[in-house]
Amino acid sequence: TLYEGMVVQLVRDVQDGRRDNTAGEL
């Protein structure tokens, strides 16, 4: 569940075309 939530946050982060957060922050 933690990993799934991290992936959701990553996809949210890259909606503008780039990732701004580190894995730890996600």
mmCIF file of all heavy atoms, coordinates in Angstrom:
data_MODEL
# 
_entry.id   MODEL 
# 
loop_
_atom_site.group_PDB 
_atom_site.id 
_atom_site.type_symbol 
_atom_site.label_atom_id 
_atom_site.label_alt_id 
_atom_site.label_comp_id 
_atom_site.label_asym_id 
_atom_site.label_entity_id 
_atom_site.label_seq_id 
_atom_site.pdbx_PDB_ins_code 
_atom_site.Cartn_x 
_atom_site.Cartn_y 
_atom_site.Cartn_z 
_atom_site.occupancy 
_atom_site.B_iso_or_equiv 
_atom_site.pdbx_formal_charge 
_atom_site.auth_seq_id 
_atom_site.auth_comp_id 
_atom_site.auth_asym_id 
_atom_site.auth_atom_id 
_atom_site.pdbx_PDB_model_num 
ATOM 1   N N   . THR A 1 1  ? 0.829  -1.202 0.000   1.00 0.00 ? 1  THR A N   1 
ATOM 2   C CA  . THR A 1 1  ? 0.000  0.000  0.000   1.00 0.00 ? 1  THR A CA  1 
ATOM 3   C C   . THR A 1 1  ? 0.867  1.257  0.000   1.00 0.00 ? 1  THR A C   1 
ATOM 4   O O   . THR A 1 1  ? 0.567  2.232  -0.709  1.00 0.00 ? 1  THR A O   1 
ATOM 5   C CB  . THR A 1 1  ? -0.926 0.007  1.228   1.00 0.00 ? 1  THR A CB  1 
ATOM 6   O OG1 . THR A 1 1  ? -1.699 -1.187 1.243   1.00 0.00 ? 1  THR A OG1 1 
ATOM 7   C CG2 . THR A 1 1  ? -1.867 1.204  1.183   1.00 0.00 ? 1  THR A CG2 1 
ATOM 8   N N   . LEU A 1 2  ? 1.938  1.243  0.781   1.00 0.00 ? 2  LEU A N   1 
ATOM 9   C CA  . LEU A 1 2  ? 2.856  2.382  0.819   1.00 0.00 ? 2  LEU A CA  1 
ATOM 10  C C   . LEU A 1 2  ? 3.471  2.626  -0.558  1.00 0.00 ? 2  LEU A C   1 
ATOM 11  O O   . LEU A 1 2  ? 3.554  3.768  -1.025  1.00 0.00 ? 2  LEU A O   1 
ATOM 12  C CB  . LEU A 1 2  ? 3.957  2.121  1.845   1.00 0.00 ? 2  LEU A CB  1 
ATOM 13  C CG  . LEU A 1 2  ? 5.026  3.211  2.021   1.00 0.00 ? 2  LEU A CG  1 
ATOM 14  C CD1 . LEU A 1 2  ? 4.393  4.498  2.534   1.00 0.00 ? 2  LEU A CD1 1 
ATOM 15  C CD2 . LEU A 1 2  ? 6.122  2.734  2.975   1.00 0.00 ? 2  LEU A CD2 1 
ATOM 16  N N   . TYR A 1 3  ? 3.866  1.543  -1.207  1.00 0.00 ? 3  TYR A N   1 
ATOM 17  C CA  . TYR A 1 3  ? 4.463  1.690  -2.536  1.00 0.00 ? 3  TYR A CA  1 
ATOM 18  C C   . TYR A 1 3  ? 3.435  2.207  -3.544  1.00 0.00 ? 3  TYR A C   1 
ATOM 19  O O   . TYR A 1 3  ? 3.744  3.087  -4.361  1.00 0.00 ? 3  TYR A O   1 
ATOM 20  C CB  . TYR A 1 3  ? 5.029  0.353  -3.018  1.00 0.00 ? 3  TYR A CB  1 
ATOM 21  C CG  . TYR A 1 3  ? 5.764  0.470  -4.325  1.00 0.00 ? 3  TYR A CG  1 
ATOM 22  C CD1 . TYR A 1 3  ? 7.060  0.966  -4.370  1.00 0.00 ? 3  TYR A CD1 1 
ATOM 23  C CD2 . TYR A 1 3  ? 5.157  0.128  -5.529  1.00 0.00 ? 3  TYR A CD2 1 
ATOM 24  C CE1 . TYR A 1 3  ? 7.735  1.111  -5.579  1.00 0.00 ? 3  TYR A CE1 1 
ATOM 25  C CE2 . TYR A 1 3  ? 5.817  0.269  -6.729  1.00 0.00 ? 3  TYR A CE2 1 
ATOM 26  C CZ  . TYR A 1 3  ? 7.110  0.754  -6.747  1.00 0.00 ? 3  TYR A CZ  1 
ATOM 27  O OH  . TYR A 1 3  ? 7.771  0.905  -7.947  1.00 0.00 ? 3  TYR A OH  1 
ATOM 28  N N   . GLU A 1 4  ? 2.215  1.683  -3.479  1.00 0.00 ? 4  GLU A N   1 
ATOM 29  C CA  . GLU A 1 4  ? 1.168  2.149  -4.389  1.00 0.00 ? 4  GLU A CA  1 
ATOM 30  C C   . GLU A 1 4  ? 0.917  3.640  -4.203  1.00 0.00 ? 4  GLU A C   1 
ATOM 31  O O   . GLU A 1 4  ? 0.781  4.391  -5.179  1.00 0.00 ? 4  GLU A O   1 
ATOM 32  C CB  . GLU A 1 4  ? -0.126 1.368  -4.149  1.00 0.00 ? 4  GLU A CB  1 
ATOM 33  C CG  . GLU A 1 4  ? -1.255 1.753  -5.079  1.00 0.00 ? 4  GLU A CG  1 
ATOM 34  C CD  . GLU A 1 4  ? -2.517 0.948  -4.840  1.00 0.00 ? 4  GLU A CD  1 
ATOM 35  O OE1 . GLU A 1 4  ? -2.654 0.348  -3.754  1.00 0.00 ? 4  GLU A OE1 1 
ATOM 36  O OE2 . GLU A 1 4  ? -3.385 0.915  -5.735  1.00 0.00 ? 4  GLU A OE2 1 
ATOM 37  N N   . GLY A 1 5  ? 0.867  4.082  -2.950  1.00 0.00 ? 5  GLY A N   1 
ATOM 38  C CA  . GLY A 1 5  ? 0.662  5.504  -2.688  1.00 0.00 ? 5  GLY A CA  1 
ATOM 39  C C   . GLY A 1 5  ? 1.799  6.349  -3.220  1.00 0.00 ? 5  GLY A C   1 
ATOM 40  O O   . GLY A 1 5  ? 1.581  7.444  -3.754  1.00 0.00 ? 5  GLY A O   1 
ATOM 41  N N   . MET A 1 6  ? 3.029  5.848  -3.090  1.00 0.00 ? 6  MET A N   1 
ATOM 42  C CA  . MET A 1 6  ? 4.189  6.571  -3.618  1.00 0.00 ? 6  MET A CA  1 
ATOM 43  C C   . MET A 1 6  ? 4.084  6.736  -5.127  1.00 0.00 ? 6  MET A C   1 
ATOM 44  O O   . MET A 1 6  ? 4.391  7.797  -5.674  1.00 0.00 ? 6  MET A O   1 
ATOM 45  C CB  . MET A 1 6  ? 5.476  5.825  -3.248  1.00 0.00 ? 6  MET A CB  1 
ATOM 46  C CG  . MET A 1 6  ? 6.759  6.563  -3.617  1.00 0.00 ? 6  MET A CG  1 
ATOM 47  S SD  . MET A 1 6  ? 7.297  6.357  -5.340  1.00 0.00 ? 6  MET A SD  1 
ATOM 48  C CE  . MET A 1 6  ? 7.839  4.647  -5.346  1.00 0.00 ? 6  MET A CE  1 
ATOM 49  N N   . VAL A 1 7  ? 3.629  5.676  -5.816  1.00 0.00 ? 7  VAL A N   1 
ATOM 50  C CA  . VAL A 1 7  ? 3.491  5.739  -7.273  1.00 0.00 ? 7  VAL A CA  1 
ATOM 51  C C   . VAL A 1 7  ? 2.442  6.777  -7.669  1.00 0.00 ? 7  VAL A C   1 
ATOM 52  O O   . VAL A 1 7  ? 2.634  7.544  -8.626  1.00 0.00 ? 7  VAL A O   1 
ATOM 53  C CB  . VAL A 1 7  ? 3.123  4.359  -7.849  1.00 0.00 ? 7  VAL A CB  1 
ATOM 54  C CG1 . VAL A 1 7  ? 2.802  4.459  -9.347  1.00 0.00 ? 7  VAL A CG1 1 
ATOM 55  C CG2 . VAL A 1 7  ? 4.268  3.372  -7.634  1.00 0.00 ? 7  VAL A CG2 1 
ATOM 56  N N   . VAL A 1 8  ? 1.349  6.829  -6.931  1.00 0.00 ? 8  VAL A N   1 
ATOM 57  C CA  . VAL A 1 8  ? 0.318  7.835  -7.209  1.00 0.00 ? 8  VAL A CA  1 
ATOM 58  C C   . VAL A 1 8  ? 0.907  9.237  -7.096  1.00 0.00 ? 8  VAL A C   1 
ATOM 59  O O   . VAL A 1 8  ? 0.691  10.097 -7.963  1.00 0.00 ? 8  VAL A O   1 
ATOM 60  C CB  . VAL A 1 8  ? -0.883 7.685  -6.249  1.00 0.00 ? 8  VAL A CB  1 
ATOM 61  C CG1 . VAL A 1 8  ? -1.880 8.827  -6.470  1.00 0.00 ? 8  VAL A CG1 1 
ATOM 62  C CG2 . VAL A 1 8  ? -1.576 6.351  -6.439  1.00 0.00 ? 8  VAL A CG2 1 
ATOM 63  N N   . GLN A 1 9  ? 1.661  9.469  -6.032  1.00 0.00 ? 9  GLN A N   1 
ATOM 64  C CA  . GLN A 1 9  ? 2.269  10.784 -5.841  1.00 0.00 ? 9  GLN A CA  1 
ATOM 65  C C   . GLN A 1 9  ? 3.291  11.093 -6.932  1.00 0.00 ? 9  GLN A C   1 
ATOM 66  O O   . GLN A 1 9  ? 3.420  12.241 -7.375  1.00 0.00 ? 9  GLN A O   1 
ATOM 67  C CB  . GLN A 1 9  ? 2.935  10.870 -4.464  1.00 0.00 ? 9  GLN A CB  1 
ATOM 68  C CG  . GLN A 1 9  ? 1.963  10.860 -3.287  1.00 0.00 ? 9  GLN A CG  1 
ATOM 69  C CD  . GLN A 1 9  ? 1.209  12.174 -3.153  1.00 0.00 ? 9  GLN A CD  1 
ATOM 70  O OE1 . GLN A 1 9  ? 0.955  12.886 -4.126  1.00 0.00 ? 9  GLN A OE1 1 
ATOM 71  N NE2 . GLN A 1 9  ? 0.821  12.514 -1.932  1.00 0.00 ? 9  GLN A NE2 1 
ATOM 72  N N   . LEU A 1 10 ? 4.014  10.082 -7.384  1.00 0.00 ? 10 LEU A N   1 
ATOM 73  C CA  . LEU A 1 10 ? 4.972  10.287 -8.467  1.00 0.00 ? 10 LEU A CA  1 
ATOM 74  C C   . LEU A 1 10 ? 4.254  10.705 -9.753  1.00 0.00 ? 10 LEU A C   1 
ATOM 75  O O   . LEU A 1 10 ? 4.682  11.636 -10.446 1.00 0.00 ? 10 LEU A O   1 
ATOM 76  C CB  . LEU A 1 10 ? 5.792  9.018  -8.701  1.00 0.00 ? 10 LEU A CB  1 
ATOM 77  C CG  . LEU A 1 10 ? 6.892  9.119  -9.767  1.00 0.00 ? 10 LEU A CG  1 
ATOM 78  C CD1 . LEU A 1 10 ? 8.096  8.256  -9.380  1.00 0.00 ? 10 LEU A CD1 1 
ATOM 79  C CD2 . LEU A 1 10 ? 6.392  8.680  -11.147 1.00 0.00 ? 10 LEU A CD2 1 
ATOM 80  N N   . VAL A 1 11 ? 3.169  10.008 -10.080 1.00 0.00 ? 11 VAL A N   1 
ATOM 81  C CA  . VAL A 1 11 ? 2.418  10.348 -11.292 1.00 0.00 ? 11 VAL A CA  1 
ATOM 82  C C   . VAL A 1 11 ? 1.846  11.758 -11.174 1.00 0.00 ? 11 VAL A C   1 
ATOM 83  O O   . VAL A 1 11 ? 1.840  12.523 -12.152 1.00 0.00 ? 11 VAL A O   1 
ATOM 84  C CB  . VAL A 1 11 ? 1.299  9.316  -11.550 1.00 0.00 ? 11 VAL A CB  1 
ATOM 85  C CG1 . VAL A 1 11 ? 0.419  9.747  -12.726 1.00 0.00 ? 11 VAL A CG1 1 
ATOM 86  C CG2 . VAL A 1 11 ? 1.903  7.936  -11.833 1.00 0.00 ? 11 VAL A CG2 1 
ATOM 87  N N   . ARG A 1 12 ? 1.402  12.118 -9.995  1.00 0.00 ? 12 ARG A N   1 
ATOM 88  C CA  . ARG A 1 12 ? 0.921  13.495 -9.785  1.00 0.00 ? 12 ARG A CA  1 
ATOM 89  C C   . ARG A 1 12 ? 2.056  14.492 -10.027 1.00 0.00 ? 12 ARG A C   1 
ATOM 90  O O   . ARG A 1 12 ? 1.864  15.534 -10.656 1.00 0.00 ? 12 ARG A O   1 
ATOM 91  C CB  . ARG A 1 12 ? 0.398  13.637 -8.367  1.00 0.00 ? 12 ARG A CB  1 
ATOM 92  C CG  . ARG A 1 12 ? -0.095 15.045 -8.045  1.00 0.00 ? 12 ARG A CG  1 
ATOM 93  C CD  . ARG A 1 12 ? -0.455 15.162 -6.589  1.00 0.00 ? 12 ARG A CD  1 
ATOM 94  N NE  . ARG A 1 12 ? -1.220 16.370 -6.331  1.00 0.00 ? 12 ARG A NE  1 
ATOM 95  C CZ  . ARG A 1 12 ? -1.687 16.715 -5.151  1.00 0.00 ? 12 ARG A CZ  1 
ATOM 96  N NH1 . ARG A 1 12 ? -1.468 15.946 -4.098  1.00 0.00 ? 12 ARG A NH1 1 
ATOM 97  N NH2 . ARG A 1 12 ? -2.379 17.824 -4.986  1.00 0.00 ? 12 ARG A NH2 1 
ATOM 98  N N   . ASP A 1 13 ? 3.240  14.152 -9.527  1.00 0.00 ? 13 ASP A N   1 
ATOM 99  C CA  . ASP A 1 13 ? 4.400  15.034 -9.621  1.00 0.00 ? 13 ASP A CA  1 
ATOM 100 C C   . ASP A 1 13 ? 4.818  15.276 -11.070 1.00 0.00 ? 13 ASP A C   1 
ATOM 101 O O   . ASP A 1 13 ? 5.266  16.373 -11.416 1.00 0.00 ? 13 ASP A O   1 
ATOM 102 C CB  . ASP A 1 13 ? 5.552  14.414 -8.826  1.00 0.00 ? 13 ASP A CB  1 
ATOM 103 C CG  . ASP A 1 13 ? 6.715  15.370 -8.622  1.00 0.00 ? 13 ASP A CG  1 
ATOM 104 O OD1 . ASP A 1 13 ? 6.601  16.552 -8.999  1.00 0.00 ? 13 ASP A OD1 1 
ATOM 105 O OD2 . ASP A 1 13 ? 7.746  14.941 -8.087  1.00 0.00 ? 13 ASP A OD2 1 
ATOM 106 N N   . VAL A 1 14 ? 4.674  14.252 -11.929 1.00 0.00 ? 14 VAL A N   1 
ATOM 107 C CA  . VAL A 1 14 ? 5.171  14.380 -13.312 1.00 0.00 ? 14 VAL A CA  1 
ATOM 108 C C   . VAL A 1 14 ? 4.098  14.878 -14.282 1.00 0.00 ? 14 VAL A C   1 
ATOM 109 O O   . VAL A 1 14 ? 4.314  14.863 -15.494 1.00 0.00 ? 14 VAL A O   1 
ATOM 110 C CB  . VAL A 1 14 ? 5.756  13.045 -13.818 1.00 0.00 ? 14 VAL A CB  1 
ATOM 111 C CG1 . VAL A 1 14 ? 6.894  12.585 -12.924 1.00 0.00 ? 14 VAL A CG1 1 
ATOM 112 C CG2 . VAL A 1 14 ? 4.691  11.959 -13.935 1.00 0.00 ? 14 VAL A CG2 1 
ATOM 113 N N   . GLN A 1 15 ? 2.968  15.322 -13.753 1.00 0.00 ? 15 GLN A N   1 
ATOM 114 C CA  . GLN A 1 15 ? 1.931  15.826 -14.650 1.00 0.00 ? 15 GLN A CA  1 
ATOM 115 C C   . GLN A 1 15 ? 2.390  17.040 -15.453 1.00 0.00 ? 15 GLN A C   1 
ATOM 116 O O   . GLN A 1 15 ? 1.885  17.317 -16.536 1.00 0.00 ? 15 GLN A O   1 
ATOM 117 C CB  . GLN A 1 15 ? 0.662  16.183 -13.857 1.00 0.00 ? 15 GLN A CB  1 
ATOM 118 C CG  . GLN A 1 15 ? -0.097 14.986 -13.310 1.00 0.00 ? 15 GLN A CG  1 
ATOM 119 C CD  . GLN A 1 15 ? -0.527 14.023 -14.387 1.00 0.00 ? 15 GLN A CD  1 
ATOM 120 O OE1 . GLN A 1 15 ? -1.353 14.343 -15.245 1.00 0.00 ? 15 GLN A OE1 1 
ATOM 121 N NE2 . GLN A 1 15 ? 0.033  12.823 -14.369 1.00 0.00 ? 15 GLN A NE2 1 
ATOM 122 N N   . ASP A 1 16 ? 3.375  17.779 -14.907 1.00 0.00 ? 16 ASP A N   1 
ATOM 123 C CA  . ASP A 1 16 ? 3.885  18.940 -15.630 1.00 0.00 ? 16 ASP A CA  1 
ATOM 124 C C   . ASP A 1 16 ? 5.077  18.586 -16.509 1.00 0.00 ? 16 ASP A C   1 
ATOM 125 O O   . ASP A 1 16 ? 5.723  19.458 -17.078 1.00 0.00 ? 16 ASP A O   1 
ATOM 126 C CB  . ASP A 1 16 ? 4.279  20.056 -14.653 1.00 0.00 ? 16 ASP A CB  1 
ATOM 127 C CG  . ASP A 1 16 ? 5.383  19.625 -13.690 1.00 0.00 ? 16 ASP A CG  1 
ATOM 128 O OD1 . ASP A 1 16 ? 5.795  18.437 -13.729 1.00 0.00 ? 16 ASP A OD1 1 
ATOM 129 O OD2 . ASP A 1 16 ? 5.851  20.472 -12.909 1.00 0.00 ? 16 ASP A OD2 1 
ATOM 130 N N   . GLY A 1 17 ? 5.393  17.283 -16.599 1.00 0.00 ? 17 GLY A N   1 
ATOM 131 C CA  . GLY A 1 17 ? 6.465  16.843 -17.486 1.00 0.00 ? 17 GLY A CA  1 
ATOM 132 C C   . GLY A 1 17 ? 7.793  16.598 -16.805 1.00 0.00 ? 17 GLY A C   1 
ATOM 133 O O   . GLY A 1 17 ? 8.746  16.147 -17.441 1.00 0.00 ? 17 GLY A O   1 
ATOM 134 N N   . ARG A 1 18 ? 7.873  16.860 -15.503 1.00 0.00 ? 18 ARG A N   1 
ATOM 135 C CA  . ARG A 1 18 ? 9.127  16.608 -14.794 1.00 0.00 ? 18 ARG A CA  1 
ATOM 136 C C   . ARG A 1 18 ? 8.821  16.216 -13.352 1.00 0.00 ? 18 ARG A C   1 
ATOM 137 O O   . ARG A 1 18 ? 7.747  16.518 -12.825 1.00 0.00 ? 18 ARG A O   1 
ATOM 138 C CB  . ARG A 1 18 ? 10.023 17.845 -14.803 1.00 0.00 ? 18 ARG A CB  1 
ATOM 139 C CG  . ARG A 1 18 ? 9.492  18.995 -13.972 1.00 0.00 ? 18 ARG A CG  1 
ATOM 140 C CD  . ARG A 1 18 ? 10.464 20.160 -13.912 1.00 0.00 ? 18 ARG A CD  1 
ATOM 141 N NE  . ARG A 1 18 ? 10.005 21.184 -12.989 1.00 0.00 ? 18 ARG A NE  1 
ATOM 142 C CZ  . ARG A 1 18 ? 10.692 22.283 -12.700 1.00 0.00 ? 18 ARG A CZ  1 
ATOM 143 N NH1 . ARG A 1 18 ? 11.862 22.489 -13.280 1.00 0.00 ? 18 ARG A NH1 1 
ATOM 144 N NH2 . ARG A 1 18 ? 10.206 23.167 -11.852 1.00 0.00 ? 18 ARG A NH2 1 
ATOM 145 N N   . ARG A 1 19 ? 9.777  15.521 -12.728 1.00 0.00 ? 19 ARG A N   1 
ATOM 146 C CA  . ARG A 1 19 ? 9.629  15.125 -11.331 1.00 0.00 ? 19 ARG A CA  1 
ATOM 147 C C   . ARG A 1 19 ? 10.422 16.081 -10.458 1.00 0.00 ? 19 ARG A C   1 
ATOM 148 O O   . ARG A 1 19 ? 11.610 16.304 -10.677 1.00 0.00 ? 19 ARG A O   1 
ATOM 149 C CB  . ARG A 1 19 ? 10.124 13.687 -11.129 1.00 0.00 ? 19 ARG A CB  1 
ATOM 150 C CG  . ARG A 1 19 ? 10.060 13.213 -9.673  1.00 0.00 ? 19 ARG A CG  1 
ATOM 151 C CD  . ARG A 1 19 ? 10.369 11.715 -9.562  1.00 0.00 ? 19 ARG A CD  1 
ATOM 152 N NE  . ARG A 1 19 ? 11.628 11.388 -10.194 1.00 0.00 ? 19 ARG A NE  1 
ATOM 153 C CZ  . ARG A 1 19 ? 12.814 11.519 -9.608  1.00 0.00 ? 19 ARG A CZ  1 
ATOM 154 N NH1 . ARG A 1 19 ? 12.900 12.019 -8.377  1.00 0.00 ? 19 ARG A NH1 1 
ATOM 155 N NH2 . ARG A 1 19 ? 13.923 11.180 -10.244 1.00 0.00 ? 19 ARG A NH2 1 
ATOM 156 N N   . ASP A 1 20 ? 9.746  16.616 -9.446  1.00 0.00 ? 20 ASP A N   1 
ATOM 157 C CA  . ASP A 1 20 ? 10.381 17.591 -8.560  1.00 0.00 ? 20 ASP A CA  1 
ATOM 158 C C   . ASP A 1 20 ? 10.771 16.995 -7.210  1.00 0.00 ? 20 ASP A C   1 
ATOM 159 O O   . ASP A 1 20 ? 11.582 17.579 -6.495  1.00 0.00 ? 20 ASP A O   1 
ATOM 160 C CB  . ASP A 1 20 ? 9.439  18.774 -8.325  1.00 0.00 ? 20 ASP A CB  1 
ATOM 161 C CG  . ASP A 1 20 ? 9.074  19.475 -9.629  1.00 0.00 ? 20 ASP A CG  1 
ATOM 162 O OD1 . ASP A 1 20 ? 9.989  19.872 -10.357 1.00 0.00 ? 20 ASP A OD1 1 
ATOM 163 O OD2 . ASP A 1 20 ? 7.869  19.597 -9.925  1.00 0.00 ? 20 ASP A OD2 1 
ATOM 164 N N   . ASN A 1 21 ? 10.167 15.873 -6.832  1.00 0.00 ? 21 ASN A N   1 
ATOM 165 C CA  . ASN A 1 21 ? 10.381 15.297 -5.504  1.00 0.00 ? 21 ASN A CA  1 
ATOM 166 C C   . ASN A 1 21 ? 11.287 14.071 -5.561  1.00 0.00 ? 21 ASN A C   1 
ATOM 167 O O   . ASN A 1 21 ? 11.279 13.318 -6.541  1.00 0.00 ? 21 ASN A O   1 
ATOM 168 C CB  . ASN A 1 21 ? 9.044  14.907 -4.864  1.00 0.00 ? 21 ASN A CB  1 
ATOM 169 C CG  . ASN A 1 21 ? 8.167  16.110 -4.602  1.00 0.00 ? 21 ASN A CG  1 
ATOM 170 O OD1 . ASN A 1 21 ? 8.568  17.030 -3.896  1.00 0.00 ? 21 ASN A OD1 1 
ATOM 171 N ND2 . ASN A 1 21 ? 6.973  16.125 -5.173  1.00 0.00 ? 21 ASN A ND2 1 
ATOM 172 N N   . THR A 1 22 ? 12.040 13.854 -4.488  1.00 0.00 ? 22 THR A N   1 
ATOM 173 C CA  . THR A 1 22 ? 12.870 12.662 -4.368  1.00 0.00 ? 22 THR A CA  1 
ATOM 174 C C   . THR A 1 22 ? 11.991 11.476 -3.960  1.00 0.00 ? 22 THR A C   1 
ATOM 175 O O   . THR A 1 22 ? 10.834 11.641 -3.544  1.00 0.00 ? 22 THR A O   1 
ATOM 176 C CB  . THR A 1 22 ? 13.951 12.859 -3.309  1.00 0.00 ? 22 THR A CB  1 
ATOM 177 O OG1 . THR A 1 22 ? 13.324 12.998 -2.015  1.00 0.00 ? 22 THR A OG1 1 
ATOM 178 C CG2 . THR A 1 22 ? 14.789 14.097 -3.604  1.00 0.00 ? 22 THR A CG2 1 
ATOM 179 N N   . ALA A 1 23 ? 12.556 10.276 -4.041  1.00 0.00 ? 23 ALA A N   1 
ATOM 180 C CA  . ALA A 1 23 ? 11.818 9.083  -3.624  1.00 0.00 ? 23 ALA A CA  1 
ATOM 181 C C   . ALA A 1 23 ? 11.419 9.182  -2.158  1.00 0.00 ? 23 ALA A C   1 
ATOM 182 O O   . ALA A 1 23 ? 10.298 8.826  -1.777  1.00 0.00 ? 23 ALA A O   1 
ATOM 183 C CB  . ALA A 1 23 ? 12.662 7.833  -3.871  1.00 0.00 ? 23 ALA A CB  1 
ATOM 184 N N   . GLY A 1 24 ? 12.325 9.687  -1.315  1.00 0.00 ? 24 GLY A N   1 
ATOM 185 C CA  . GLY A 1 24 ? 12.014 9.839  0.104   1.00 0.00 ? 24 GLY A CA  1 
ATOM 186 C C   . GLY A 1 24 ? 10.853 10.786 0.343   1.00 0.00 ? 24 GLY A C   1 
ATOM 187 O O   . GLY A 1 24 ? 9.986  10.532 1.182   1.00 0.00 ? 24 GLY A O   1 
ATOM 188 N N   . GLU A 1 25 ? 10.828 11.883 -0.391  1.00 0.00 ? 25 GLU A N   1 
ATOM 189 C CA  . GLU A 1 25 ? 9.727  12.847 -0.258  1.00 0.00 ? 25 GLU A CA  1 
ATOM 190 C C   . GLU A 1 25 ? 8.404  12.244 -0.742  1.00 0.00 ? 25 GLU A C   1 
ATOM 191 O O   . GLU A 1 25 ? 7.345  12.502 -0.154  1.00 0.00 ? 25 GLU A O   1 
ATOM 192 C CB  . GLU A 1 25 ? 10.058 14.107 -1.048  1.00 0.00 ? 25 GLU A CB  1 
ATOM 193 C CG  . GLU A 1 25 ? 11.180 14.940 -0.426  1.00 0.00 ? 25 GLU A CG  1 
ATOM 194 C CD  . GLU A 1 25 ? 11.680 16.043 -1.333  1.00 0.00 ? 25 GLU A CD  1 
ATOM 195 O OE1 . GLU A 1 25 ? 11.492 15.946 -2.568  1.00 0.00 ? 25 GLU A OE1 1 
ATOM 196 O OE2 . GLU A 1 25 ? 12.276 17.011 -0.807  1.00 0.00 ? 25 GLU A OE2 1 
ATOM 197 N N   . LEU A 1 26 ? 8.472  11.451 -1.798  1.00 0.00 ? 26 LEU A N   1 
ATOM 198 C CA  . LEU A 1 26 ? 7.252  10.812 -2.318  1.00 0.00 ? 26 LEU A CA  1 
ATOM 199 C C   . LEU A 1 26 ? 6.696  9.816  -1.304  1.00 0.00 ? 26 LEU A C   1 
ATOM 200 O O   . LEU A 1 26 ? 5.490  9.778  -1.058  1.00 0.00 ? 26 LEU A O   1 
ATOM 201 C CB  . LEU A 1 26 ? 7.552  10.121 -3.650  1.00 0.00 ? 26 LEU A CB  1 
ATOM 202 C CG  . LEU A 1 26 ? 7.864  11.050 -4.823  1.00 0.00 ? 26 LEU A CG  1 
ATOM 203 C CD1 . LEU A 1 26 ? 8.369  10.255 -6.017  1.00 0.00 ? 26 LEU A CD1 1 
ATOM 204 C CD2 . LEU A 1 26 ? 6.638  11.866 -5.226  1.00 0.00 ? 26 LEU A CD2 1 
# 
